[in-house]
Amino acid sequence: MKKSISIILCFCLIATLFISCKKDNSEKTADINYTYDSAYSFDDATIRAYKDLCKAVVNGENELRMNSGLLDNVLQLFYTSFPLSVTVKNIEPNESVFRIIYKNEEKHSQEVEDFINKVNEYKTDINNESDTAYAVRIYNKIASSIKVSDNPSISCYETMMNAEGTSFSYSNMFEYLLQQKGIKAYHILCEDMGGNSKGISAAELDGKLYYFDMFTEYYDNKGKLLKFFGMTTSDVQNIGLQNFIYTNRETAGDASDLKFQACRICSKWEIETENLLITRNDGEIVQIAL
């Protein structure tokens, strides 16, 4: 009888361990949201398939059932919007499912965990603030720590993990972190006056579209101010940028709201309770409600 009870207790202990492991894993994967560039407006089935693919990658799964007719659109979202897509070597048909092949099978789980931790480092202490206050702090946090990479093809994932990148990868990173808060954000491809390609961002705050150029902020003032935060289309044209398109190749939306116009001549800023206080070059302080 005692032997039987011991066996039962052992089985219960093992079952508890498996349940605990499963719970810990689900909590880890819940730390990020499966978001995508707001320029895309695919149907619900495509969005569900995309999120299933993201979840499979986060969990290190090797197979995924998916309607093959959705694949092209799902991959469009996957490779433009999900930073961990760079950990995937290939996604290939395997009978009725798709096989996911990772670049580094042995280290994939650790790569995912490190990435999620990094995302949460950026959101720590500010995730409960208003969308605009969150955007200001994330913008400043990234712009003031930019390190320019010599690798023109560096990914958003690599920029987030290694703290160096290009205008494309840093703007991708900014957009991704905004999307984690539920803010609509768009990756913008444009050109400077010399015809060189550049990446900037757009996002909707309180229902209005604005542009953001962290690289120009960095070169202008080491990223410490907000002179290129919340810009209008005219503002970005005035700094020599042109031909704005989304990653789906559509012309980017027009931004005309002047809420952050005082930022153009910002010499100092701070967030006080529910307001952004901008000290202009002439010493005047402008209060912007957050």
Protein backbone atom coordinates (compact mmCIF):
# COMPACT_ATOMS: atom_id res chain seq x y z
CA MET A 1 0.00 0.00 0.00
CA LYS A 2 2.79 2.43 0.93
CA LYS A 3 4.60 1.52 -2.27
CA SER A 4 1.47 2.32 -4.32
CA ILE A 5 1.04 5.67 -2.62
CA SER A 6 4.69 6.51 -3.30
CA ILE A 7 4.29 5.71 -7.00
CA ILE A 8 1.15 7.85 -7.23
CA LEU A 9 2.94 10.73 -5.51
CA CYS A 10 5.87 10.44 -7.94
CA PHE A 11 3.50 10.62 -10.92
CA CYS A 12 1.78 13.66 -9.39
CA LEU A 13 5.13 15.36 -8.85
CA ILE A 14 6.21 14.72 -12.46
CA ALA A 15 2.85 15.98 -13.76
CA THR A 16 3.20 19.12 -11.66
CA LEU A 17 6.66 19.75 -13.07
CA PHE A 18 5.36 19.46 -16.64
CA ILE A 19 2.48 21.80 -15.89
CA SER A 20 4.84 24.30 -14.30
CA CYS A 21 7.16 24.22 -17.30
CA LYS A 22 4.29 24.71 -19.67
CA LYS A 23 2.97 27.61 -17.63
CA ASP A 24 6.39 29.29 -17.47
CA ASN A 25 6.78 29.01 -21.25
CA SER A 26 3.34 30.48 -21.95
CA GLU A 27 4.03 33.37 -19.60
CA LYS A 28 7.29 34.08 -21.42
CA THR A 29 5.66 34.11 -24.86
CA ALA A 30 2.91 36.40 -23.58
CA ASP A 31 5.48 39.11 -22.86
CA ILE A 32 5.36 40.35 -26.46
CA ASN A 33 2.48 41.06 -28.79
CA TYR A 34 2.43 39.76 -32.34
CA THR A 35 2.07 43.08 -34.10
CA TYR A 36 2.60 44.23 -37.68
CA ASP A 37 3.20 47.35 -39.76
CA SER A 38 -0.01 49.39 -39.80
CA ALA A 39 0.25 49.98 -43.56
CA TYR A 40 -1.15 46.48 -44.11
CA SER A 41 -4.86 45.67 -43.99
CA PHE A 42 -5.14 41.94 -44.70
CA ASP A 43 -8.18 39.83 -43.85
CA ASP A 44 -8.65 38.15 -40.47
CA ALA A 45 -7.55 34.73 -41.72
CA THR A 46 -4.20 36.13 -42.89
CA ILE A 47 -3.64 37.99 -39.61
CA ARG A 48 -4.41 34.84 -37.60
CA ALA A 49 -2.01 32.79 -39.71
CA TYR A 50 0.68 35.44 -39.30
CA LYS A 51 0.29 35.48 -35.53
CA ASP A 52 0.34 31.66 -35.46
CA LEU A 53 3.64 31.73 -37.36
CA CYS A 54 5.11 34.29 -34.94
CA LYS A 55 3.99 32.24 -31.96
CA ALA A 56 5.47 29.09 -33.49
CA VAL A 57 8.83 30.82 -33.93
CA VAL A 58 8.78 32.15 -30.36
CA ASN A 59 8.04 28.63 -29.10
CA GLY A 60 10.67 27.06 -31.37
CA GLU A 61 8.17 24.85 -33.16
CA ASN A 62 9.28 23.12 -36.36
CA GLU A 63 5.90 22.68 -38.03
CA LEU A 64 2.87 24.87 -38.65
CA ARG A 65 -0.43 24.10 -40.32
CA MET A 66 -1.50 26.93 -42.59
CA ASN A 67 -3.62 27.49 -45.69
CA SER A 68 -1.03 27.65 -48.48
CA GLY A 69 -3.10 30.32 -50.23
CA LEU A 70 -2.27 32.71 -47.38
CA LEU A 71 1.48 32.14 -47.48
CA ASP A 72 2.58 35.11 -49.61
CA ASN A 73 0.72 37.68 -47.52
CA VAL A 74 1.74 36.01 -44.25
CA LEU A 75 5.40 36.11 -45.25
CA GLN A 76 5.03 39.76 -46.28
CA LEU A 77 3.95 40.55 -42.72
CA PHE A 78 6.48 38.18 -41.19
CA TYR A 79 9.55 39.62 -42.87
CA THR A 80 8.55 43.29 -42.62
CA SER A 81 7.09 43.30 -39.12
CA PHE A 82 8.46 40.54 -36.88
CA PRO A 83 12.08 41.08 -35.75
CA LEU A 84 12.61 37.40 -34.89
CA SER A 85 12.01 36.44 -38.52
CA VAL A 86 15.79 36.74 -39.01
CA THR A 87 16.28 33.66 -36.81
CA VAL A 88 14.43 31.57 -39.41
CA LYS A 89 16.47 30.04 -42.22
CA ASN A 90 13.56 28.80 -44.30
CA ILE A 91 9.85 27.98 -44.28
CA GLU A 92 9.09 25.13 -46.66
CA PRO A 93 6.07 22.94 -47.54
CA ASN A 94 6.02 19.50 -45.91
CA GLU A 95 2.89 17.62 -47.01
CA SER A 96 -0.07 19.34 -45.31
CA VAL A 97 2.07 21.56 -43.06
CA PHE A 98 4.92 24.03 -43.34
CA ARG A 99 8.30 23.14 -41.90
CA ILE A 100 10.15 25.90 -40.02
CA ILE A 101 13.93 25.64 -40.20
CA TYR A 102 15.94 27.81 -37.82
CA LYS A 103 19.40 29.23 -38.46
CA ASN A 104 20.60 28.06 -35.07
CA GLU A 105 18.45 25.29 -33.62
CA GLU A 106 20.54 24.87 -30.48
CA LYS A 107 20.55 28.54 -29.50
CA HIS A 108 17.12 29.53 -30.81
CA SER A 109 15.33 29.33 -27.46
CA GLN A 110 17.98 31.54 -25.84
CA GLU A 111 17.82 34.03 -28.72
CA VAL A 112 14.07 34.33 -28.24
CA GLU A 113 14.36 34.76 -24.49
CA ASP A 114 17.08 37.40 -24.84
CA PHE A 115 15.00 39.29 -27.41
CA ILE A 116 11.88 39.30 -25.22
CA ASN A 117 13.93 40.51 -22.26
CA LYS A 118 15.37 43.30 -24.38
CA VAL A 119 11.91 44.41 -25.53
CA ASN A 120 10.72 44.50 -21.94
CA GLU A 121 13.79 46.50 -20.88
CA TYR A 122 12.67 49.30 -23.19
CA LYS A 123 9.10 49.19 -21.88
CA THR A 124 10.01 49.04 -18.19
CA ASP A 125 8.49 51.84 -16.09
CA ILE A 126 6.83 53.59 -19.07
CA ASN A 127 4.30 51.06 -20.38
CA ASN A 128 1.58 52.49 -18.12
CA GLU A 129 2.04 56.05 -19.41
CA SER A 130 -0.13 57.60 -22.11
CA ASP A 131 0.62 56.65 -25.72
CA THR A 132 2.22 60.02 -26.45
CA ALA A 133 4.39 60.02 -23.30
CA TYR A 134 5.47 56.46 -24.11
CA ALA A 135 6.34 57.50 -27.69
CA VAL A 136 8.39 60.46 -26.44
CA ARG A 137 10.40 58.34 -24.01
CA ILE A 138 11.01 55.48 -26.47
CA TYR A 139 12.03 57.97 -29.18
CA ASN A 140 14.47 59.70 -26.82
CA LYS A 141 15.82 56.43 -25.44
CA ILE A 142 16.66 55.16 -28.94
CA ALA A 143 17.79 58.44 -30.53
CA SER A 144 20.16 59.28 -27.68
CA SER A 145 21.89 55.88 -27.87
CA ILE A 146 22.31 55.47 -31.64
CA LYS A 147 25.50 53.85 -32.85
CA VAL A 148 25.83 53.86 -36.64
CA SER A 149 26.57 50.47 -38.20
CA ASP A 150 28.74 49.90 -41.27
CA ASN A 151 26.47 47.00 -42.24
CA PRO A 152 23.78 48.38 -44.59
CA SER A 153 21.65 45.23 -44.26
CA ILE A 154 21.64 45.01 -40.45
CA SER A 155 18.25 43.90 -39.14
CA CYS A 156 15.95 45.34 -36.52
CA TYR A 157 16.65 42.27 -34.36
CA GLU A 158 20.41 42.82 -34.56
CA THR A 159 20.02 46.51 -33.79
CA MET A 160 17.94 45.79 -30.73
CA MET A 161 20.34 43.13 -29.46
CA ASN A 162 23.67 44.77 -30.40
CA ALA A 163 22.78 48.48 -30.01
CA GLU A 164 23.95 49.57 -33.45
CA GLY A 165 22.22 49.98 -36.78
CA THR A 166 21.09 52.10 -39.70
CA SER A 167 18.22 54.53 -40.19
CA PHE A 168 16.18 51.57 -41.45
CA SER A 169 16.85 49.20 -38.56
CA TYR A 170 16.53 51.85 -35.85
CA SER A 171 13.25 53.17 -37.26
CA ASN A 172 11.98 49.57 -37.48
CA MET A 173 12.89 49.15 -33.84
CA PHE A 174 11.04 52.33 -32.86
CA GLU A 175 7.93 51.25 -34.77
CA TYR A 176 7.98 47.78 -33.24
CA LEU A 177 8.19 49.18 -29.71
CA LEU A 178 5.32 51.58 -30.44
CA GLN A 179 3.22 48.70 -31.78
CA GLN A 180 3.88 46.76 -28.57
CA LYS A 181 1.93 49.52 -26.79
CA GLY A 182 -0.91 49.28 -29.33
CA ILE A 183 0.13 52.43 -31.22
CA LYS A 184 -0.34 52.33 -34.99
CA ALA A 185 3.11 52.71 -36.54
CA TYR A 186 4.43 52.63 -40.09
CA HIS A 187 7.87 52.12 -41.62
CA ILE A 188 8.63 54.85 -44.15
CA LEU A 189 11.11 54.58 -47.01
CA CYS A 190 12.25 57.90 -48.44
CA GLU A 191 15.15 59.71 -50.11
CA ASP A 192 17.38 62.58 -49.08
CA MET A 193 18.36 65.42 -51.40
CA GLY A 194 21.18 63.33 -52.85
CA GLY A 195 18.81 60.54 -53.81
CA ASN A 196 20.07 58.25 -51.04
CA SER A 197 17.56 55.90 -49.43
CA LYS A 198 16.65 56.43 -45.79
CA GLY A 199 14.29 54.97 -43.23
CA ILE A 200 12.07 57.08 -40.98
CA SER A 201 8.89 56.33 -39.04
CA ALA A 202 5.27 57.43 -38.89
CA ALA A 203 2.77 56.81 -36.12
CA GLU A 204 -0.71 57.78 -35.03
CA LEU A 205 -1.05 59.59 -31.72
CA ASP A 206 -4.57 60.54 -30.64
CA GLY A 207 -5.76 59.65 -34.13
CA LYS A 208 -3.36 62.01 -35.94
CA LEU A 209 -0.46 60.95 -38.16
CA TYR A 210 3.06 62.22 -37.43
CA TYR A 211 6.57 61.57 -38.76
CA PHE A 212 9.71 60.80 -36.74
CA ASP A 213 13.37 60.98 -37.78
CA MET A 214 15.66 59.70 -35.03
CA PHE A 215 18.80 59.65 -37.20
CA THR A 216 18.55 63.35 -38.01
CA GLU A 217 17.88 63.93 -34.29
CA TYR A 218 21.06 62.04 -33.47
CA TYR A 219 23.21 63.93 -35.97
CA ASP A 220 21.71 67.27 -34.96
CA ASN A 221 21.91 67.04 -31.16
CA LYS A 222 23.04 63.52 -30.21
CA GLY A 223 19.39 62.52 -29.88
CA LYS A 224 18.82 64.49 -26.70
CA LEU A 225 16.07 66.80 -27.99
CA LEU A 226 12.74 66.37 -29.82
CA LYS A 227 13.34 68.58 -32.85
CA PHE A 228 12.40 65.81 -35.28
CA PHE A 229 9.62 64.23 -33.19
CA GLY A 230 5.99 64.47 -34.33
CA MET A 231 6.71 66.16 -37.65
CA THR A 232 4.32 67.09 -40.43
CA THR A 233 4.89 66.21 -44.08
CA SER A 234 6.06 69.79 -44.63
CA ASP A 235 8.54 69.46 -41.78
CA VAL A 236 10.22 66.37 -43.27
CA GLN A 237 10.28 68.01 -46.68
CA ASN A 238 11.95 71.05 -45.12
CA ILE A 239 14.85 68.90 -43.91
CA GLY A 240 15.39 67.63 -47.44
CA LEU A 241 13.48 64.34 -47.46
CA GLN A 242 11.13 63.27 -50.26
CA ASN A 243 9.30 60.37 -51.95
CA PHE A 244 7.71 58.83 -48.84
CA ILE A 245 6.34 55.30 -49.28
CA TYR A 246 5.22 52.49 -46.98
CA THR A 247 6.75 49.00 -47.18
CA ASN A 248 3.71 47.87 -49.19
CA ARG A 249 4.87 50.39 -51.85
CA GLU A 250 1.90 52.72 -51.34
CA THR A 251 2.43 56.47 -50.96
CA ALA A 252 2.70 57.38 -47.27
CA GLY A 253 -0.12 59.32 -45.68
CA ASP A 254 -0.07 63.09 -45.32
CA ALA A 255 0.70 64.47 -41.87
CA SER A 256 -0.54 67.98 -41.16
CA ASP A 257 -1.36 68.27 -37.46
CA LEU A 258 0.71 70.97 -35.70
CA LYS A 259 0.50 69.67 -32.14
CA PHE A 260 4.29 69.23 -31.84
CA GLN A 261 5.31 72.29 -33.85
CA ALA A 262 7.08 73.84 -30.85
CA CYS A 263 9.47 70.88 -30.95
CA ARG A 264 11.02 72.21 -34.15
CA ILE A 265 12.91 74.84 -32.11
CA CYS A 266 13.26 72.76 -28.96
CA SER A 267 16.22 73.53 -26.68
CA LYS A 268 15.04 71.47 -23.71
CA TRP A 269 12.10 69.23 -22.80
CA GLU A 270 10.56 67.40 -19.88
CA ILE A 271 7.42 65.48 -19.04
CA GLU A 272 5.55 66.85 -16.05
CA THR A 273 2.45 64.95 -14.91
CA GLU A 274 0.27 64.82 -18.05
CA ASN A 275 2.10 67.45 -20.10
CA LEU A 276 5.13 67.68 -22.34
CA LEU A 277 6.97 70.94 -21.63
CA ILE A 278 9.04 72.26 -24.53
CA THR A 279 11.49 75.07 -23.91
CA ARG A 280 11.98 76.83 -27.23
CA ASN A 281 15.19 78.50 -28.47
CA ASP A 282 13.76 81.90 -27.45
CA GLY A 283 13.18 80.70 -23.88
CA GLU A 284 9.39 80.41 -24.14
CA ILE A 285 7.92 77.28 -22.59
CA VAL A 286 5.16 75.54 -24.56
CA GLN A 287 2.90 73.04 -22.82
CA ILE A 288 1.64 70.09 -24.89
CA ALA A 289 -1.06 67.91 -23.36
CA LEU A 290 -0.26 64.22 -23.32
